Amino acid sequence: MSIESKRKMKRLRVILDSNAFFVPLQFKIDIWEELKTLLPVKFEPILLSPIKKELETITEKSSPKIRKMSSYALKLTDKCSFFEVDDNIASSPDDAIIEMAKKWHCPVFTNDRELRKKLRNISVPVIYVRQKAHLEIDGRIHSPV
């Protein structure tokens, strides 16, 4: 196994919900720097296929202002590792996030109250915007194996 693949293995996966990509525009927060500060280990931001589809749909079908914001959000996804999620596993983007977070035992970055509650009910740590100023974690982060 190469040093690079060992290094990648040690990274903590963090699944990002679609709304996480809007945080820089909405709250003027650099999500990458905040995540570096917040997390005790190196992390790998994860973009699941249903989330990418959701952002693309918003970009195509929304008002010009929202389209511009979602276009910027899509550019931010370039910094993420992309994972294709089988449609049989998840009927919605939230279901995909829940299933993959359970499977990988990794935190999720979302501001969606409903999703946050579902994740916390299954003991998945949640990263969210606190006081419109910084990111915070609800739950305990386990070091990657």
Protein backbone atom coordinates (compact mmCIF):
# COMPACT_ATOMS: atom_id res chain seq x y z
CA MET A 1 0.00 0.00 0.00
CA SER A 2 1.40 3.39 -0.99
CA ILE A 3 2.00 6.20 1.47
CA GLU A 4 -0.64 8.29 -0.31
CA SER A 5 -3.35 5.64 0.05
CA LYS A 6 -2.40 5.13 3.73
CA ARG A 7 -2.68 8.88 4.25
CA LYS A 8 -6.10 8.93 2.59
CA MET A 9 -7.30 6.02 4.75
CA LYS A 10 -6.55 7.96 7.91
CA ARG A 11 -8.80 10.84 6.94
CA LEU A 12 -12.16 11.31 8.57
CA ARG A 13 -14.97 11.31 6.04
CA VAL A 14 -17.41 14.20 6.43
CA ILE A 15 -20.59 14.03 4.34
CA LEU A 16 -21.85 17.42 3.22
CA ASP A 17 -25.55 18.10 2.70
CA SER A 18 -26.53 20.46 -0.11
CA ASN A 19 -27.19 23.34 2.30
CA ALA A 20 -23.59 23.14 3.59
CA PHE A 21 -22.37 24.40 0.22
CA PHE A 22 -24.47 27.57 0.60
CA VAL A 23 -22.94 28.48 3.99
CA PRO A 24 -20.06 30.57 2.54
CA LEU A 25 -22.52 32.81 0.69
CA GLN A 26 -25.21 32.94 3.38
CA PHE A 27 -23.01 33.45 6.45
CA LYS A 28 -19.61 34.48 5.02
CA ILE A 29 -18.01 31.42 6.64
CA ASP A 30 -15.06 29.63 5.02
CA ILE A 31 -16.33 26.09 5.55
CA TRP A 32 -12.99 24.44 4.71
CA GLU A 33 -11.04 26.51 7.27
CA GLU A 34 -13.78 26.08 9.88
CA LEU A 35 -13.78 22.30 9.37
CA LYS A 36 -9.97 22.22 9.73
CA THR A 37 -10.26 24.15 13.01
CA LEU A 38 -13.20 22.15 14.31
CA LEU A 39 -12.09 18.60 13.55
CA PRO A 40 -9.32 16.89 15.54
CA VAL A 41 -7.99 15.01 12.48
CA LYS A 42 -7.54 15.46 8.75
CA PHE A 43 -10.83 15.10 6.94
CA GLU A 44 -12.12 14.14 3.52
CA PRO A 45 -15.21 16.10 2.43
CA ILE A 46 -17.70 13.77 0.75
CA LEU A 47 -20.25 14.63 -1.94
CA LEU A 48 -22.89 11.95 -2.47
CA SER A 49 -24.46 11.62 -5.92
CA PRO A 50 -28.02 12.55 -4.77
CA ILE A 51 -26.66 15.78 -3.25
CA LYS A 52 -24.90 16.68 -6.49
CA LYS A 53 -28.12 15.97 -8.42
CA GLU A 54 -30.04 18.17 -5.98
CA LEU A 55 -27.59 21.07 -6.49
CA GLU A 56 -27.73 20.64 -10.27
CA THR A 57 -31.54 20.70 -10.20
CA ILE A 58 -31.52 23.89 -8.11
CA THR A 59 -29.08 25.44 -10.59
CA GLU A 60 -31.33 24.57 -13.54
CA LYS A 61 -34.77 25.33 -12.14
CA SER A 62 -34.54 28.21 -9.67
CA SER A 63 -34.74 31.97 -9.82
CA PRO A 64 -31.69 33.80 -11.26
CA LYS A 65 -30.46 34.75 -7.75
CA ILE A 66 -30.73 31.17 -6.45
CA ARG A 67 -29.19 29.86 -9.68
CA LYS A 68 -26.16 32.07 -9.16
CA MET A 69 -25.77 30.87 -5.56
CA SER A 70 -26.19 27.21 -6.49
CA SER A 71 -23.71 27.59 -9.33
CA TYR A 72 -21.17 28.82 -6.74
CA ALA A 73 -22.17 25.95 -4.43
CA LEU A 74 -21.50 23.47 -7.25
CA LYS A 75 -18.00 24.93 -7.68
CA LEU A 76 -17.33 24.18 -4.00
CA THR A 77 -18.14 20.51 -4.61
CA ASP A 78 -14.91 20.25 -6.61
CA LYS A 79 -13.05 20.06 -3.29
CA CYS A 80 -14.99 16.93 -2.32
CA SER A 81 -14.54 13.25 -3.05
CA PHE A 82 -17.53 12.07 -5.06
CA PHE A 83 -19.41 8.87 -4.19
CA GLU A 84 -22.13 7.35 -6.32
CA VAL A 85 -25.03 6.11 -4.19
CA ASP A 86 -27.27 3.41 -5.64
CA ASP A 87 -30.89 4.57 -6.04
CA ASN A 88 -31.98 1.30 -4.39
CA ILE A 89 -30.23 2.37 -1.18
CA ALA A 90 -31.78 5.81 -0.95
CA SER A 91 -35.06 7.25 -2.14
CA SER A 92 -34.05 10.83 -1.22
CA PRO A 93 -30.86 12.84 -0.62
CA ASP A 94 -31.54 12.73 3.15
CA ASP A 95 -31.92 8.94 3.04
CA ALA A 96 -28.61 8.67 1.19
CA ILE A 97 -26.89 10.80 3.81
CA ILE A 98 -28.35 8.76 6.67
CA GLU A 99 -27.43 5.41 5.08
CA MET A 100 -23.86 6.39 4.22
CA ALA A 101 -23.24 8.10 7.59
CA LYS A 102 -24.37 4.91 9.34
CA LYS A 103 -22.26 2.72 7.05
CA TRP A 104 -19.11 4.85 7.39
CA HIS A 105 -19.65 6.00 11.00
CA CYS A 106 -18.85 9.54 9.96
CA PRO A 107 -20.17 13.03 10.76
CA VAL A 108 -22.52 14.99 8.51
CA PHE A 109 -22.42 18.72 7.85
CA THR A 110 -26.01 19.97 7.53
CA ASN A 111 -28.20 22.85 8.71
CA ASP A 112 -31.43 20.94 8.03
CA ARG A 113 -33.22 20.61 11.40
CA GLU A 114 -35.17 17.47 10.44
CA LEU A 115 -32.07 15.71 9.14
CA ARG A 116 -30.00 16.80 12.15
CA LYS A 117 -32.60 15.28 14.47
CA LYS A 118 -32.72 11.98 12.51
CA LEU A 119 -28.92 11.76 12.54
CA ARG A 120 -28.63 12.49 16.26
CA ASN A 121 -31.30 9.83 16.95
CA ILE A 122 -28.95 7.25 15.41
CA SER A 123 -25.86 8.72 17.16
CA VAL A 124 -24.31 10.31 14.07
CA PRO A 125 -22.32 13.47 14.89
CA VAL A 126 -23.66 16.58 13.14
CA ILE A 127 -21.73 19.68 12.10
CA TYR A 128 -23.86 22.80 11.69
CA VAL A 129 -23.73 26.60 11.67
CA ARG A 130 -24.03 28.11 15.14
CA GLN A 131 -25.09 31.73 15.72
CA LYS A 132 -24.59 32.47 12.00
CA ALA A 133 -20.90 32.84 12.79
CA HIS A 134 -19.09 29.49 13.09
CA LEU A 135 -19.43 25.74 12.82
CA GLU A 136 -20.15 23.49 15.77
CA ILE A 137 -20.35 19.72 16.32
CA ASP A 138 -23.22 17.98 18.05
CA GLY A 139 -21.95 14.53 19.01
CA ARG A 140 -18.62 12.79 19.42
CA ILE A 141 -16.21 12.42 16.53
CA HIS A 142 -14.36 9.12 16.40
CA SER A 143 -10.91 8.96 14.86
CA PRO A 144 -10.77 7.24 11.48
CA VAL A 145 -9.43 3.70 11.39
